[in-house]
């Protein structure tokens, strides 16, 4: 007896006839009839009352249909549970101080452990989060990457020709800022106390506003160039960050394996 045969019984019950059930199952009617007959032989009893142009479940068939419904439901539950377990076993939770290091970690995971699923979250204090992997602004851990902050200004802005700028040069200017930038938001708020920060959550809207407005923004070395605008490095120490990767105390085996692979690379 196979699950597929039980599903065929359900299809006959749902569609009303073997012909309609065969169409629903993308089978020919003779193929479905033979499959049902094999099931009847295995069970040792007929499941239908048959006439020339009609079949209906007999008492044994009703009993078999009830069992088929229960067994296929349990099989589907088992399939979902096993899929969830497999995903959980391949999922690594990540707490990061900023988004860019999570993106870099995802690139490395794809190269070193294809099939691994990263589940990142931004955290003000990632070292305090019970995640498999933590990306922090200070050791311990493996140095994952550095990130530098730039002022992104219109080409006609008074500072556009500068080789570098400082927060003091920008303080008081209105800035368009993406939400969910992690600790960088604290840096910006602390060092631009007199600037109005227009926080935008939608990245697409952010880009549209930046394209059609004279507002200043921030970028990093990974940001693609924008027509009509220029990016100027910030010289202040708080505008430069080094990120460290470390496993959490309860890190699962795949996370530790990924960490060790990155540390060796």
Protein backbone atom coordinates (compact mmCIF):
# COMPACT_ATOMS: atom_id res chain seq x y z
CA UNK A 1 0.00 0.00 0.00
CA UNK A 2 1.34 3.41 -0.98
CA UNK A 3 0.39 6.92 0.10
CA UNK A 4 -0.35 7.74 -3.52
CA UNK A 5 -3.04 5.05 -3.58
CA UNK A 6 -4.62 6.57 -0.48
CA UNK A 7 -4.61 9.99 -2.15
CA UNK A 8 -6.30 8.40 -5.15
CA UNK A 9 -9.11 7.18 -2.90
CA UNK A 10 -9.54 10.72 -1.60
CA UNK A 11 -9.62 12.07 -5.14
CA UNK A 12 -12.42 9.66 -6.08
CA UNK A 13 -14.39 10.81 -3.03
CA UNK A 14 -13.80 14.49 -3.81
CA UNK A 15 -14.45 14.30 -7.57
CA UNK A 16 -17.32 11.81 -7.47
CA UNK A 17 -16.20 9.54 -10.29
CA UNK A 18 -13.07 7.65 -11.28
CA UNK A 19 -12.99 9.54 -14.56
CA UNK A 20 -13.04 12.94 -12.87
CA UNK A 21 -10.52 11.78 -10.26
CA UNK A 22 -8.20 10.59 -13.03
CA UNK A 23 -8.38 14.02 -14.68
CA UNK A 24 -7.63 15.74 -11.35
CA UNK A 25 -4.65 13.44 -10.76
CA UNK A 26 -3.40 13.79 -14.35
CA UNK A 27 -3.79 10.05 -14.92
CA UNK A 28 -5.64 8.06 -17.51
CA UNK A 29 -8.83 6.41 -16.29
CA UNK A 30 -7.52 2.87 -16.94
CA UNK A 31 -4.32 3.63 -14.98
CA UNK A 32 -6.29 4.89 -11.98
CA UNK A 33 -8.69 1.92 -12.15
CA UNK A 34 -5.76 -0.53 -12.15
CA UNK A 35 -4.16 1.24 -9.19
CA UNK A 36 -7.39 1.05 -7.17
CA UNK A 37 -7.82 -2.61 -8.06
CA UNK A 38 -4.28 -3.33 -6.82
CA UNK A 39 -5.16 -1.62 -3.54
CA UNK A 40 -8.29 -3.73 -3.22
CA UNK A 41 -6.25 -6.90 -3.76
CA UNK A 42 -3.75 -5.81 -1.11
CA UNK A 43 -6.55 -5.09 1.36
CA UNK A 44 -8.36 -8.29 0.46
CA UNK A 45 -11.73 -6.65 -0.16
CA UNK A 46 -13.59 -4.51 -2.66
CA UNK A 47 -13.99 -0.86 -1.77
CA UNK A 48 -16.71 0.14 -4.25
CA UNK A 49 -20.10 -0.89 -5.43
CA UNK A 50 -19.73 -0.92 -9.17
CA UNK A 51 -22.37 -0.64 -11.88
CA UNK A 52 -21.86 -0.12 -15.60
CA UNK A 53 -21.50 3.66 -15.39
CA UNK A 54 -21.11 4.35 -11.69
CA UNK A 55 -19.04 3.51 -8.60
CA UNK A 56 -19.66 4.41 -4.97
CA UNK A 57 -17.87 3.52 -1.76
CA UNK A 58 -19.19 0.49 0.06
CA UNK A 59 -18.86 0.04 3.83
CA UNK A 60 -15.27 -1.19 3.53
CA UNK A 61 -14.54 1.68 1.18
CA UNK A 62 -15.89 4.24 3.64
CA UNK A 63 -13.66 2.74 6.33
CA UNK A 64 -10.65 2.79 3.99
CA UNK A 65 -11.40 6.39 2.99
CA UNK A 66 -11.50 7.53 6.63
CA UNK A 67 -8.17 5.82 7.27
CA UNK A 68 -6.71 7.28 4.07
CA UNK A 69 -7.74 10.78 5.12
CA UNK A 70 -6.11 10.37 8.53
CA UNK A 71 -2.92 8.77 7.18
CA UNK A 72 -2.36 11.32 4.41
CA UNK A 73 -2.92 14.16 6.91
CA UNK A 74 -0.38 12.63 9.28
CA UNK A 75 2.05 12.16 6.39
CA UNK A 76 1.69 15.83 5.42
CA UNK A 77 2.26 16.90 9.03
CA UNK A 78 5.37 14.74 9.16
CA UNK A 79 6.62 16.22 5.88
CA UNK A 80 6.16 19.78 7.18
CA UNK A 81 7.82 18.94 10.50
CA UNK A 82 10.80 17.34 8.77
CA UNK A 83 11.12 20.30 6.40
CA UNK A 84 11.05 22.70 9.35
CA UNK A 85 13.63 20.62 11.20
CA UNK A 86 15.90 20.52 8.16
CA UNK A 87 15.62 24.29 7.77
CA UNK A 88 16.30 24.81 11.47
CA UNK A 89 19.39 22.61 11.28
CA UNK A 90 20.65 24.69 8.35
CA UNK A 91 19.76 28.09 9.85
CA UNK A 92 22.32 30.24 11.64
CA UNK A 93 21.11 33.21 13.66
CA UNK A 94 23.26 36.33 13.44
CA UNK A 95 23.26 39.43 15.67
CA UNK A 96 25.08 42.32 14.01
CA UNK A 97 25.88 45.92 14.92
CA UNK A 98 25.28 47.03 11.32
CA UNK A 99 23.77 45.59 8.13
CA UNK A 100 26.83 45.53 5.85
CA UNK A 101 28.75 42.91 7.89
CA UNK A 102 25.71 40.60 7.66
CA UNK A 103 25.78 40.96 3.89
CA UNK A 104 29.49 40.14 3.86
CA UNK A 105 28.86 37.13 6.08
CA UNK A 106 26.15 35.94 3.69
CA UNK A 107 28.61 36.15 0.77
CA UNK A 108 31.16 34.08 2.68
CA UNK A 109 28.54 31.54 3.74
CA UNK A 110 27.48 31.08 0.12
CA UNK A 111 31.09 30.44 -0.87
CA UNK A 112 32.13 28.24 2.06
CA UNK A 113 28.92 26.45 3.08
CA UNK A 114 26.31 26.56 0.30
CA UNK A 115 22.83 25.73 1.53
CA UNK A 116 23.30 27.39 4.91
CA UNK A 117 20.54 29.86 5.79
CA UNK A 118 21.44 33.04 7.69
CA UNK A 119 18.84 34.72 9.89
CA UNK A 120 20.30 38.18 10.70
CA UNK A 121 19.07 40.82 13.11
CA UNK A 122 20.43 44.25 13.99
CA UNK A 123 21.34 44.63 17.64
CA UNK A 124 22.56 47.59 19.65
CA UNK A 125 24.67 45.21 21.74
CA UNK A 126 25.17 42.04 19.68
CA UNK A 127 27.55 40.61 22.28
CA UNK A 128 24.57 40.33 24.64
CA UNK A 129 22.30 38.55 22.14
CA UNK A 130 21.98 34.76 22.30
CA UNK A 131 22.68 34.27 18.60
CA UNK A 132 24.77 31.62 16.86
CA UNK A 133 27.12 34.27 15.47
CA UNK A 134 27.78 37.80 16.66
CA UNK A 135 29.24 40.70 14.71
CA UNK A 136 30.60 43.31 17.08
CA UNK A 137 32.65 46.50 16.96
CA UNK A 138 35.41 45.15 19.14
CA UNK A 139 37.25 41.88 19.82
CA UNK A 140 37.17 39.03 20.61
CA UNK A 141 36.68 37.30 17.32
CA UNK A 142 37.89 37.20 13.75
CA UNK A 143 38.16 40.53 11.92
CA UNK A 144 35.40 40.30 9.33
CA UNK A 145 35.57 43.66 7.55
CA UNK A 146 35.96 47.40 7.87
CA UNK A 147 33.47 50.05 6.83
CA UNK A 148 33.99 53.78 6.28
CA UNK A 149 31.34 56.47 6.26
CA UNK A 150 31.15 59.03 3.43
CA UNK A 151 29.09 62.19 3.03
CA UNK A 152 27.05 61.90 -0.16
CA UNK A 153 26.37 65.39 -1.49
CA UNK A 154 24.99 66.93 -4.71
CA UNK A 155 27.66 67.85 -7.24
CA UNK A 156 26.87 71.57 -6.77
CA UNK A 157 27.15 71.46 -2.97
CA UNK A 158 29.67 73.78 -1.30
CA UNK A 159 31.67 70.79 -0.02
CA UNK A 160 31.63 68.73 -3.24
CA UNK A 161 35.23 69.53 -4.14
CA UNK A 162 36.71 68.61 -0.74
CA UNK A 163 39.02 65.58 -0.45
CA UNK A 164 37.54 64.83 2.96
CA UNK A 165 35.17 66.38 5.46
CA UNK A 166 34.43 66.20 9.17
CA UNK A 167 31.16 65.95 11.04
CA UNK A 168 31.64 69.56 12.12
CA UNK A 169 31.52 70.62 8.45
CA UNK A 170 28.16 68.88 8.05
CA UNK A 171 26.46 69.69 11.33
CA UNK A 172 23.28 71.68 10.71
CA UNK A 173 22.73 70.34 7.19
CA UNK A 174 19.53 68.29 6.65
CA UNK A 175 20.23 64.61 5.93
CA UNK A 176 18.21 61.85 4.36
CA UNK A 177 18.98 58.69 6.34
CA UNK A 178 17.95 55.09 5.82
CA UNK A 179 16.43 53.39 8.84
CA UNK A 180 17.88 50.10 10.09
CA UNK A 181 21.54 51.08 9.72
CA UNK A 182 22.46 49.78 13.14
CA UNK A 183 24.99 51.58 15.30
CA UNK A 184 25.66 54.11 12.51
CA UNK A 185 22.41 55.86 13.48
CA UNK A 186 23.81 56.52 16.96
CA UNK A 187 27.03 57.86 15.43
CA UNK A 188 25.13 60.22 13.15
CA UNK A 189 22.81 61.49 15.89
CA UNK A 190 25.71 62.08 18.28
CA UNK A 191 27.94 63.94 15.85
CA UNK A 192 25.27 65.91 13.97
CA UNK A 193 23.21 67.28 16.86
CA UNK A 194 22.00 70.31 14.88
CA UNK A 195 21.05 68.44 11.70
CA UNK A 196 17.52 67.39 10.81
CA UNK A 197 17.54 63.69 10.02
CA UNK A 198 14.80 62.59 7.63
CA UNK A 199 14.61 58.86 8.28
CA UNK A 200 13.25 56.74 5.44
CA UNK A 201 12.44 53.04 5.85
CA UNK A 202 11.77 52.18 2.20
CA UNK A 203 15.04 51.82 0.26
CA UNK A 204 13.35 52.46 -3.10
CA UNK A 205 11.72 55.66 -1.88
CA UNK A 206 15.04 56.66 -0.30
CA UNK A 207 16.81 56.38 -3.68
CA UNK A 208 14.05 58.32 -5.44
CA UNK A 209 14.19 61.12 -2.89
CA UNK A 210 17.96 61.25 -3.13
CA UNK A 211 17.80 61.48 -6.92
CA UNK A 212 15.33 64.36 -6.95
CA UNK A 213 16.34 66.41 -3.92
CA UNK A 214 19.34 68.44 -2.73
CA UNK A 215 19.42 66.60 0.59
CA UNK A 216 22.67 65.17 1.88
CA UNK A 217 23.02 61.48 2.76
CA UNK A 218 25.60 58.98 3.90
CA UNK A 219 27.24 56.22 1.93
CA UNK A 220 30.07 53.72 2.35
CA UNK A 221 32.76 52.31 0.11
CA UNK A 222 30.26 49.65 -1.00
CA UNK A 223 27.62 52.14 -2.16
CA UNK A 224 27.22 52.36 -5.93
CA UNK A 225 27.92 55.80 -7.50
CA UNK A 226 24.88 58.03 -7.97
CA UNK A 227 24.66 60.38 -10.97
CA UNK A 228 24.90 64.05 -10.03
CA UNK A 229 26.28 63.32 -6.58
CA UNK A 230 29.68 62.76 -5.05
CA UNK A 231 30.84 60.86 -1.96
CA UNK A 232 33.41 62.49 0.31
CA UNK A 233 35.28 60.47 2.97
CA UNK A 234 34.70 61.48 6.58
CA UNK A 235 37.96 61.97 8.43
CA UNK A 236 36.65 61.61 11.98
CA UNK A 237 37.53 58.41 13.83
CA UNK A 238 33.88 57.52 14.62
CA UNK A 239 33.24 57.33 10.86
CA UNK A 240 35.44 54.24 10.59
CA UNK A 241 34.40 50.86 11.95
CA UNK A 242 36.03 47.44 12.22
CA UNK A 243 33.72 44.49 12.68
CA UNK A 244 34.58 41.24 14.46
CA UNK A 245 32.87 37.89 14.04
CA UNK A 246 32.57 35.44 16.92
CA UNK A 247 30.41 32.44 17.80
CA UNK A 248 27.87 32.75 20.59
CA UNK A 249 28.19 30.52 23.68
CA UNK A 250 25.33 28.31 22.46
CA UNK A 251 26.26 28.34 18.77
CA UNK A 252 25.03 25.32 16.84
CA UNK A 253 27.49 23.11 14.98
CA UNK A 254 26.88 24.66 11.51
CA UNK A 255 27.58 28.13 12.91
CA UNK A 256 30.84 27.04 14.51
CA UNK A 257 31.83 25.28 11.32
CA UNK A 258 31.18 28.45 9.31
CA UNK A 259 33.10 30.58 11.80
CA UNK A 260 36.09 28.24 11.66
CA UNK A 261 36.02 28.19 7.86
CA UNK A 262 35.99 32.00 7.73
CA UNK A 263 38.77 32.28 10.31
CA UNK A 264 40.93 29.94 8.20
CA UNK A 265 40.22 31.68 4.90
